[in-house]
């Protein structure tokens, strides 16, 4: 939820939408993949989720560079960067 709180501090509506969209798609893709009938399909959705993690990481890194006053905690950035569906 820290990510959603952070998005409320950002002025650009496009950046907010990007952050909230990628944040929401992470668990959504995991959930959708879990309902699929094969492990292969599930792995595909975990890969989508991983891509959303990378997208969110990029957005948060970008925000932290242009808004250093927001001081994003490093653990938040690293938690999204190191998700790997191959090891899930």
N, C-alpha and C. Protein backbone atom coordinates (compact mmCIF):
# COMPACT_ATOMS: atom_id res chain seq x y z
N UNK A 1 0.80 -1.19 0.00
CA UNK A 1 0.00 0.00 0.00
C UNK A 1 0.85 1.26 0.00
N UNK A 2 2.10 1.12 0.36
CA UNK A 2 3.02 2.26 0.33
C UNK A 2 3.06 2.85 -1.08
N UNK A 3 2.98 1.99 -2.08
CA UNK A 3 3.02 2.45 -3.47
C UNK A 3 1.81 3.31 -3.79
N UNK A 4 0.64 2.92 -3.33
CA UNK A 4 -0.57 3.72 -3.57
C UNK A 4 -0.50 5.05 -2.84
N UNK A 5 0.02 5.05 -1.61
CA UNK A 5 0.18 6.30 -0.87
C UNK A 5 1.14 7.22 -1.61
N UNK A 6 2.21 6.65 -2.12
CA UNK A 6 3.19 7.41 -2.88
C UNK A 6 2.56 8.04 -4.11
N UNK A 7 1.72 7.28 -4.81
CA UNK A 7 1.13 7.80 -6.03
C UNK A 7 0.25 9.02 -5.76
N UNK A 8 -0.30 9.12 -4.54
CA UNK A 8 -1.13 10.28 -4.21
C UNK A 8 -0.29 11.55 -4.09
N UNK A 9 1.01 11.42 -3.91
CA UNK A 9 1.89 12.57 -3.80
C UNK A 9 2.41 13.06 -5.16
N UNK A 10 2.19 12.27 -6.19
CA UNK A 10 2.71 12.59 -7.51
C UNK A 10 1.68 13.42 -8.27
N UNK A 11 2.14 14.49 -8.89
CA UNK A 11 1.23 15.41 -9.55
C UNK A 11 0.78 14.93 -10.93
N UNK A 12 1.61 14.26 -11.65
CA UNK A 12 1.28 13.83 -13.01
C UNK A 12 0.26 12.69 -13.00
N UNK A 13 -0.89 12.93 -13.62
CA UNK A 13 -1.92 11.88 -13.64
C UNK A 13 -1.46 10.68 -14.46
N UNK A 14 -0.65 10.91 -15.49
CA UNK A 14 -0.14 9.79 -16.30
C UNK A 14 0.77 8.90 -15.47
N UNK A 15 1.64 9.50 -14.69
CA UNK A 15 2.53 8.71 -13.82
C UNK A 15 1.73 7.96 -12.77
N UNK A 16 0.72 8.60 -12.20
CA UNK A 16 -0.12 7.94 -11.21
C UNK A 16 -0.78 6.71 -11.82
N UNK A 17 -1.35 6.88 -13.00
CA UNK A 17 -2.02 5.77 -13.67
C UNK A 17 -1.05 4.63 -13.95
N UNK A 18 0.16 4.98 -14.38
CA UNK A 18 1.18 3.98 -14.69
C UNK A 18 1.56 3.20 -13.44
N UNK A 19 1.77 3.90 -12.35
CA UNK A 19 2.18 3.26 -11.10
C UNK A 19 1.06 2.38 -10.55
N UNK A 20 -0.14 2.92 -10.47
CA UNK A 20 -1.26 2.15 -9.92
C UNK A 20 -1.59 0.97 -10.82
N UNK A 21 -1.53 1.17 -12.14
CA UNK A 21 -1.82 0.08 -13.08
C UNK A 21 -0.84 -1.07 -12.96
N UNK A 22 0.45 -0.76 -12.92
CA UNK A 22 1.43 -1.85 -12.81
C UNK A 22 1.37 -2.49 -11.43
N UNK A 23 1.13 -1.70 -10.40
CA UNK A 23 1.00 -2.23 -9.03
C UNK A 23 -0.18 -3.20 -8.95
N UNK A 24 -1.30 -2.82 -9.52
CA UNK A 24 -2.51 -3.66 -9.45
C UNK A 24 -2.39 -4.92 -10.31
N UNK A 25 -1.63 -4.83 -11.40
CA UNK A 25 -1.55 -5.99 -12.29
C UNK A 25 -0.67 -7.11 -11.73
N UNK A 26 0.18 -6.81 -10.77
CA UNK A 26 1.05 -7.85 -10.21
C UNK A 26 0.22 -8.97 -9.57
N UNK A 27 -0.59 -8.67 -8.54
CA UNK A 27 -1.38 -9.76 -7.95
C UNK A 27 -2.50 -10.25 -8.87
N UNK A 28 -3.00 -9.37 -9.74
CA UNK A 28 -4.07 -9.78 -10.66
C UNK A 28 -3.58 -10.87 -11.61
N UNK A 29 -2.36 -10.71 -12.13
CA UNK A 29 -1.83 -11.72 -13.04
C UNK A 29 -1.52 -13.03 -12.30
N UNK A 30 -1.04 -12.93 -11.07
CA UNK A 30 -0.79 -14.14 -10.30
C UNK A 30 -2.10 -14.88 -10.06
N UNK A 31 -3.12 -14.14 -9.66
CA UNK A 31 -4.42 -14.74 -9.40
C UNK A 31 -5.01 -15.38 -10.66
N UNK A 32 -4.95 -14.66 -11.76
CA UNK A 32 -5.50 -15.20 -13.00
C UNK A 32 -4.74 -16.46 -13.43
N UNK A 33 -3.42 -16.41 -13.31
CA UNK A 33 -2.62 -17.57 -13.69
C UNK A 33 -2.89 -18.78 -12.82
N UNK A 34 -3.15 -18.54 -11.54
CA UNK A 34 -3.43 -19.64 -10.62
C UNK A 34 -4.72 -20.37 -10.99
N UNK A 35 -5.61 -19.70 -11.68
CA UNK A 35 -6.87 -20.31 -12.09
C UNK A 35 -6.76 -21.07 -13.41
N UNK A 36 -5.65 -20.96 -14.08
CA UNK A 36 -5.46 -21.68 -15.34
C UNK A 36 -5.27 -23.16 -15.09
N UNK A 37 -5.48 -23.95 -16.12
CA UNK A 37 -5.47 -25.40 -15.95
C UNK A 37 -4.09 -26.05 -16.04
N UNK A 38 -3.09 -25.30 -16.46
CA UNK A 38 -1.77 -25.92 -16.60
C UNK A 38 -0.70 -25.07 -15.92
N UNK A 39 0.36 -25.74 -15.53
CA UNK A 39 1.50 -25.04 -14.95
C UNK A 39 2.15 -24.11 -15.96
N UNK A 40 2.10 -24.50 -17.24
CA UNK A 40 2.68 -23.66 -18.29
C UNK A 40 1.94 -22.33 -18.37
N UNK A 41 0.61 -22.39 -18.33
CA UNK A 41 -0.18 -21.15 -18.35
C UNK A 41 0.09 -20.32 -17.11
N UNK A 42 0.19 -20.97 -15.97
CA UNK A 42 0.47 -20.26 -14.73
C UNK A 42 1.82 -19.54 -14.83
N UNK A 43 2.82 -20.22 -15.37
CA UNK A 43 4.15 -19.62 -15.53
C UNK A 43 4.09 -18.41 -16.45
N UNK A 44 3.28 -18.47 -17.48
CA UNK A 44 3.12 -17.32 -18.38
C UNK A 44 2.59 -16.11 -17.60
N UNK A 45 1.59 -16.34 -16.75
CA UNK A 45 1.03 -15.23 -15.99
C UNK A 45 1.99 -14.75 -14.90
N UNK A 46 2.81 -15.64 -14.37
CA UNK A 46 3.86 -15.19 -13.45
C UNK A 46 4.87 -14.31 -14.17
N UNK A 47 5.12 -14.64 -15.43
CA UNK A 47 6.02 -13.81 -16.23
C UNK A 47 5.41 -12.43 -16.47
N UNK A 48 4.10 -12.38 -16.75
CA UNK A 48 3.42 -11.09 -16.88
C UNK A 48 3.55 -10.29 -15.58
N UNK A 49 3.38 -10.97 -14.47
CA UNK A 49 3.49 -10.32 -13.17
C UNK A 49 4.91 -9.79 -12.95
N UNK A 50 5.87 -10.59 -13.35
CA UNK A 50 7.27 -10.16 -13.23
C UNK A 50 7.53 -8.92 -14.08
N UNK A 51 6.94 -8.88 -15.26
CA UNK A 51 7.08 -7.70 -16.13
C UNK A 51 6.46 -6.47 -15.48
N UNK A 52 5.34 -6.66 -14.80
CA UNK A 52 4.71 -5.55 -14.09
C UNK A 52 5.59 -5.08 -12.93
N UNK A 53 6.27 -6.02 -12.27
CA UNK A 53 7.22 -5.65 -11.22
C UNK A 53 8.34 -4.78 -11.79
N UNK A 54 8.85 -5.18 -12.94
CA UNK A 54 9.91 -4.41 -13.58
C UNK A 54 9.41 -3.02 -13.98
N UNK A 55 8.19 -2.96 -14.50
CA UNK A 55 7.60 -1.68 -14.87
C UNK A 55 7.43 -0.78 -13.65
N UNK A 56 6.93 -1.35 -12.57
CA UNK A 56 6.75 -0.57 -11.34
C UNK A 56 8.09 -0.11 -10.80
N UNK A 57 9.07 -0.99 -10.81
CA UNK A 57 10.41 -0.63 -10.35
C UNK A 57 10.95 0.54 -11.15
N UNK A 58 10.77 0.49 -12.46
CA UNK A 58 11.24 1.58 -13.33
C UNK A 58 10.55 2.89 -12.99
N UNK A 59 9.23 2.84 -12.82
CA UNK A 59 8.47 4.05 -12.48
C UNK A 59 8.90 4.62 -11.13
N UNK A 60 9.08 3.75 -10.13
CA UNK A 60 9.49 4.23 -8.81
C UNK A 60 10.91 4.79 -8.82
N UNK A 61 11.78 4.17 -9.58
CA UNK A 61 13.15 4.67 -9.71
C UNK A 61 13.14 6.04 -10.37
N UNK A 62 12.36 6.16 -11.43
CA UNK A 62 12.24 7.43 -12.15
C UNK A 62 11.71 8.52 -11.21
N UNK A 63 10.66 8.19 -10.47
CA UNK A 63 10.06 9.16 -9.54
C UNK A 63 11.08 9.57 -8.48
N UNK A 64 11.84 8.61 -7.97
CA UNK A 64 12.81 8.93 -6.92
C UNK A 64 13.92 9.83 -7.45
N UNK A 65 14.20 9.78 -8.74
CA UNK A 65 15.23 10.64 -9.34
C UNK A 65 14.72 12.07 -9.53
N UNK A 66 13.46 12.20 -9.97
CA UNK A 66 12.96 13.56 -10.23
C UNK A 66 12.29 14.20 -9.01
N UNK A 67 11.97 13.37 -7.99
CA UNK A 67 11.37 13.87 -6.75
C UNK A 67 12.15 13.32 -5.55
N UNK A 68 13.40 13.74 -5.38
CA UNK A 68 14.18 13.18 -4.26
C UNK A 68 13.58 13.48 -2.90
N UNK A 69 12.72 14.50 -2.82
CA UNK A 69 12.08 14.83 -1.54
C UNK A 69 11.13 13.74 -1.07
N UNK A 70 10.70 12.87 -1.98
CA UNK A 70 9.82 11.77 -1.59
C UNK A 70 10.58 10.66 -0.88
N UNK A 71 11.87 10.63 -1.06
CA UNK A 71 12.77 9.65 -0.44
C UNK A 71 12.16 8.24 -0.33
N UNK A 72 12.12 7.57 -1.46
CA UNK A 72 11.60 6.20 -1.50
C UNK A 72 12.53 5.27 -0.74
N UNK A 73 11.99 4.45 0.14
CA UNK A 73 12.83 3.48 0.84
C UNK A 73 13.41 2.46 -0.13
N UNK A 74 14.67 2.19 -0.01
CA UNK A 74 15.35 1.24 -0.89
C UNK A 74 14.68 -0.13 -0.89
N UNK A 75 14.21 -0.67 0.24
CA UNK A 75 13.57 -1.99 0.20
C UNK A 75 12.37 -2.06 -0.74
N UNK A 76 11.62 -0.98 -0.87
CA UNK A 76 10.49 -0.98 -1.80
C UNK A 76 10.99 -1.17 -3.22
N UNK A 77 12.01 -0.43 -3.59
CA UNK A 77 12.55 -0.54 -4.95
C UNK A 77 13.10 -1.94 -5.21
N UNK A 78 13.85 -2.48 -4.25
CA UNK A 78 14.46 -3.78 -4.47
C UNK A 78 13.46 -4.93 -4.43
N UNK A 79 12.38 -4.79 -3.69
CA UNK A 79 11.41 -5.88 -3.62
C UNK A 79 10.74 -6.12 -4.97
N UNK A 80 10.56 -5.08 -5.75
CA UNK A 80 9.94 -5.24 -7.07
C UNK A 80 10.96 -5.66 -8.11
N UNK A 81 12.19 -5.31 -7.92
CA UNK A 81 13.20 -5.58 -8.94
C UNK A 81 13.63 -7.04 -8.97
N UNK A 82 13.58 -7.72 -7.85
CA UNK A 82 14.16 -9.05 -7.76
C UNK A 82 13.17 -10.19 -7.84
N UNK A 83 11.93 -9.92 -8.21
CA UNK A 83 10.97 -11.00 -8.38
C UNK A 83 11.29 -11.76 -9.67
N UNK A 84 11.39 -13.07 -9.58
CA UNK A 84 11.71 -13.89 -10.75
C UNK A 84 10.77 -15.09 -10.78
N UNK A 85 9.87 -15.15 -11.77
CA UNK A 85 8.91 -16.26 -11.80
C UNK A 85 9.56 -17.63 -11.99
N UNK A 86 10.77 -17.67 -12.50
CA UNK A 86 11.43 -18.96 -12.69
C UNK A 86 11.78 -19.59 -11.34
N UNK A 87 11.87 -18.76 -10.29
CA UNK A 87 12.20 -19.26 -8.96
C UNK A 87 10.99 -19.24 -8.03
N UNK A 88 9.83 -18.99 -8.58
CA UNK A 88 8.62 -18.93 -7.73
C UNK A 88 8.09 -20.33 -7.45
